[in-house]
Amino acid sequence: MPFANFKVPSGTLTTEQMERIVTATTELYVDLYGERARATTMVLVEEVPDGGWGIGGEVLTLAKLQRTSGG
């Protein structure tokens, strides 16, 4: 069973964007393994609470991400 797990900052994606991740990922697995993979492909989009993750030893928050991306 193909499986993909995406972790994203909470509140940064709309329901439609999460659906696009699921659909596009499923299609990628179908392209790789054939149509038989469609029925068993599992895609999990997990929202991580603000401050619940970090990079390079620094805890990240949505405010910090927005400052670095110009948003």
N, C-alpha and C. Protein backbone atom coordinates (compact mmCIF):
# COMPACT_ATOMS: atom_id res chain seq x y z
N MET A 1 0.85 -1.18 0.00
CA MET A 1 0.00 0.00 0.00
C MET A 1 0.89 1.23 0.00
N PRO A 2 0.85 2.04 -1.05
CA PRO A 2 1.60 3.30 -1.04
C PRO A 2 1.05 4.23 0.04
N PHE A 3 1.96 4.94 0.69
CA PHE A 3 1.58 5.83 1.79
C PHE A 3 2.42 7.09 1.72
N ALA A 4 1.78 8.24 1.86
CA ALA A 4 2.48 9.53 1.92
C ALA A 4 1.94 10.31 3.10
N ASN A 5 2.83 10.97 3.83
CA ASN A 5 2.43 11.74 5.00
C ASN A 5 3.02 13.15 4.86
N PHE A 6 2.13 14.12 4.76
CA PHE A 6 2.53 15.52 4.66
C PHE A 6 2.22 16.21 5.99
N LYS A 7 3.19 16.92 6.53
CA LYS A 7 2.99 17.69 7.75
C LYS A 7 3.10 19.16 7.38
N VAL A 8 2.05 19.91 7.71
CA VAL A 8 2.00 21.33 7.34
C VAL A 8 1.63 22.15 8.57
N PRO A 9 2.06 23.41 8.62
CA PRO A 9 1.66 24.27 9.74
C PRO A 9 0.14 24.41 9.77
N SER A 10 -0.41 24.30 10.94
CA SER A 10 -1.85 24.40 11.13
C SER A 10 -2.40 25.70 10.57
N GLY A 11 -3.52 25.59 9.84
CA GLY A 11 -4.20 26.76 9.33
C GLY A 11 -3.61 27.40 8.09
N THR A 12 -2.61 26.75 7.47
CA THR A 12 -1.97 27.37 6.30
C THR A 12 -2.52 26.88 4.98
N LEU A 13 -3.29 25.80 5.00
CA LEU A 13 -3.88 25.29 3.77
C LEU A 13 -5.40 25.25 3.88
N THR A 14 -6.06 25.51 2.77
CA THR A 14 -7.51 25.39 2.73
C THR A 14 -7.87 23.91 2.52
N THR A 15 -9.13 23.60 2.73
CA THR A 15 -9.60 22.24 2.48
C THR A 15 -9.33 21.86 1.03
N GLU A 16 -9.55 22.79 0.12
CA GLU A 16 -9.32 22.52 -1.29
C GLU A 16 -7.85 22.22 -1.58
N GLN A 17 -6.94 22.93 -0.93
CA GLN A 17 -5.52 22.68 -1.13
C GLN A 17 -5.13 21.30 -0.59
N MET A 18 -5.70 20.92 0.55
CA MET A 18 -5.42 19.59 1.09
C MET A 18 -5.95 18.51 0.15
N GLU A 19 -7.12 18.75 -0.42
CA GLU A 19 -7.68 17.80 -1.39
C GLU A 19 -6.78 17.68 -2.61
N ARG A 20 -6.20 18.79 -3.04
CA ARG A 20 -5.27 18.75 -4.18
C ARG A 20 -4.04 17.92 -3.87
N ILE A 21 -3.53 18.03 -2.64
CA ILE A 21 -2.39 17.21 -2.22
C ILE A 21 -2.74 15.73 -2.31
N VAL A 22 -3.92 15.37 -1.79
CA VAL A 22 -4.35 13.98 -1.81
C VAL A 22 -4.49 13.48 -3.25
N THR A 23 -5.15 14.26 -4.08
CA THR A 23 -5.38 13.86 -5.47
C THR A 23 -4.08 13.76 -6.25
N ALA A 24 -3.23 14.76 -6.14
CA ALA A 24 -1.98 14.78 -6.90
C ALA A 24 -1.04 13.66 -6.45
N THR A 25 -1.00 13.40 -5.16
CA THR A 25 -0.14 12.34 -4.64
C THR A 25 -0.64 10.98 -5.10
N THR A 26 -1.95 10.79 -5.06
CA THR A 26 -2.52 9.53 -5.54
C THR A 26 -2.19 9.33 -7.01
N GLU A 27 -2.34 10.38 -7.81
CA GLU A 27 -2.03 10.28 -9.24
C GLU A 27 -0.55 9.97 -9.47
N LEU A 28 0.32 10.52 -8.64
CA LEU A 28 1.75 10.23 -8.76
C LEU A 28 2.01 8.74 -8.54
N TYR A 29 1.42 8.18 -7.49
CA TYR A 29 1.59 6.75 -7.23
C TYR A 29 1.00 5.90 -8.36
N VAL A 30 -0.14 6.31 -8.89
CA VAL A 30 -0.74 5.59 -10.02
C VAL A 30 0.21 5.64 -11.22
N ASP A 31 0.82 6.79 -11.47
CA ASP A 31 1.78 6.91 -12.57
C ASP A 31 2.97 5.96 -12.37
N LEU A 32 3.40 5.81 -11.12
CA LEU A 32 4.56 4.97 -10.82
C LEU A 32 4.24 3.48 -10.81
N TYR A 33 3.11 3.12 -10.19
CA TYR A 33 2.80 1.71 -9.95
C TYR A 33 1.66 1.15 -10.79
N GLY A 34 0.98 2.00 -11.51
CA GLY A 34 -0.15 1.57 -12.30
C GLY A 34 -1.46 1.75 -11.56
N GLU A 35 -2.52 1.54 -12.28
CA GLU A 35 -3.86 1.79 -11.76
C GLU A 35 -4.17 0.98 -10.50
N ARG A 36 -3.52 -0.16 -10.35
CA ARG A 36 -3.77 -1.00 -9.16
C ARG A 36 -3.46 -0.26 -7.85
N ALA A 37 -2.63 0.78 -7.90
CA ALA A 37 -2.26 1.51 -6.69
C ALA A 37 -3.35 2.46 -6.21
N ARG A 38 -4.27 2.85 -7.09
CA ARG A 38 -5.26 3.87 -6.73
C ARG A 38 -6.07 3.47 -5.49
N ALA A 39 -6.58 2.27 -5.47
CA ALA A 39 -7.48 1.85 -4.40
C ALA A 39 -6.79 1.70 -3.04
N THR A 40 -5.47 1.55 -3.06
CA THR A 40 -4.77 1.31 -1.79
C THR A 40 -3.86 2.45 -1.37
N THR A 41 -3.79 3.51 -2.15
CA THR A 41 -2.92 4.64 -1.81
C THR A 41 -3.53 5.42 -0.65
N MET A 42 -2.74 5.62 0.39
CA MET A 42 -3.17 6.39 1.55
C MET A 42 -2.34 7.67 1.63
N VAL A 43 -3.02 8.80 1.73
CA VAL A 43 -2.35 10.09 1.85
C VAL A 43 -2.87 10.76 3.11
N LEU A 44 -1.97 11.14 3.98
CA LEU A 44 -2.32 11.77 5.24
C LEU A 44 -1.74 13.19 5.27
N VAL A 45 -2.60 14.17 5.43
CA VAL A 45 -2.15 15.56 5.57
C VAL A 45 -2.39 15.95 7.02
N GLU A 46 -1.31 16.13 7.75
CA GLU A 46 -1.39 16.45 9.18
C GLU A 46 -1.06 17.92 9.41
N GLU A 47 -1.91 18.58 10.17
CA GLU A 47 -1.63 19.96 10.55
C GLU A 47 -0.91 19.96 11.90
N VAL A 48 0.24 20.59 11.92
CA VAL A 48 1.05 20.67 13.12
C VAL A 48 0.73 21.98 13.84
N PRO A 49 0.43 21.92 15.14
CA PRO A 49 0.12 23.15 15.87
C PRO A 49 1.26 24.16 15.80
N ASP A 50 0.90 25.43 15.85
CA ASP A 50 1.88 26.50 15.80
C ASP A 50 2.95 26.29 16.87
N GLY A 51 4.19 26.35 16.48
CA GLY A 51 5.30 26.15 17.40
C GLY A 51 5.60 24.69 17.67
N GLY A 52 4.92 23.78 16.98
CA GLY A 52 5.11 22.36 17.21
C GLY A 52 6.16 21.70 16.34
N TRP A 53 6.97 22.50 15.69
CA TRP A 53 8.03 21.94 14.86
C TRP A 53 9.15 22.96 14.71
N GLY A 54 10.26 22.52 14.19
CA GLY A 54 11.39 23.42 14.05
C GLY A 54 12.39 22.92 13.03
N ILE A 55 13.30 23.79 12.68
CA ILE A 55 14.37 23.47 11.74
C ILE A 55 15.67 24.03 12.31
N GLY A 56 16.70 23.25 12.26
CA GLY A 56 18.02 23.71 12.70
C GLY A 56 18.06 24.12 14.16
N GLY A 57 17.26 23.47 14.98
CA GLY A 57 17.25 23.77 16.41
C GLY A 57 16.40 24.97 16.80
N GLU A 58 15.73 25.57 15.83
CA GLU A 58 14.87 26.73 16.11
C GLU A 58 13.41 26.34 15.97
N VAL A 59 12.62 26.61 17.01
CA VAL A 59 11.19 26.35 16.95
C VAL A 59 10.56 27.37 16.02
N LEU A 60 9.75 26.88 15.10
CA LEU A 60 9.12 27.76 14.12
C LEU A 60 7.67 28.01 14.47
N THR A 61 7.24 29.21 14.19
CA THR A 61 5.85 29.60 14.35
C THR A 61 5.39 30.19 13.03
N LEU A 62 4.08 30.30 12.87
CA LEU A 62 3.54 30.87 11.64
C LEU A 62 4.03 32.31 11.46
N ALA A 63 4.12 33.06 12.55
CA ALA A 63 4.60 34.44 12.47
C ALA A 63 6.04 34.49 11.93
N LYS A 64 6.90 33.58 12.40
CA LYS A 64 8.28 33.55 11.90
C LYS A 64 8.33 33.17 10.43
N LEU A 65 7.51 32.22 10.05
CA LEU A 65 7.48 31.81 8.64
C LEU A 65 7.01 32.94 7.75
N GLN A 66 6.01 33.68 8.19
CA GLN A 66 5.50 34.78 7.39
C GLN A 66 6.53 35.90 7.25
N ARG A 67 7.30 36.14 8.29
CA ARG A 67 8.35 37.16 8.21
C ARG A 67 9.42 36.78 7.22
N THR A 68 9.79 35.48 7.17
CA THR A 68 10.87 35.08 6.27
C THR A 68 10.41 34.93 4.84
N SER A 69 9.09 34.75 4.62
CA SER A 69 8.58 34.59 3.26
C SER A 69 8.01 35.89 2.71
N GLY A 70 8.02 36.93 3.52
CA GLY A 70 7.49 38.21 3.06
C GLY A 70 5.99 38.30 3.12
N GLY A 71 5.33 37.31 3.76
CA GLY A 71 3.87 37.29 3.82
C GLY A 71 3.28 38.01 4.98
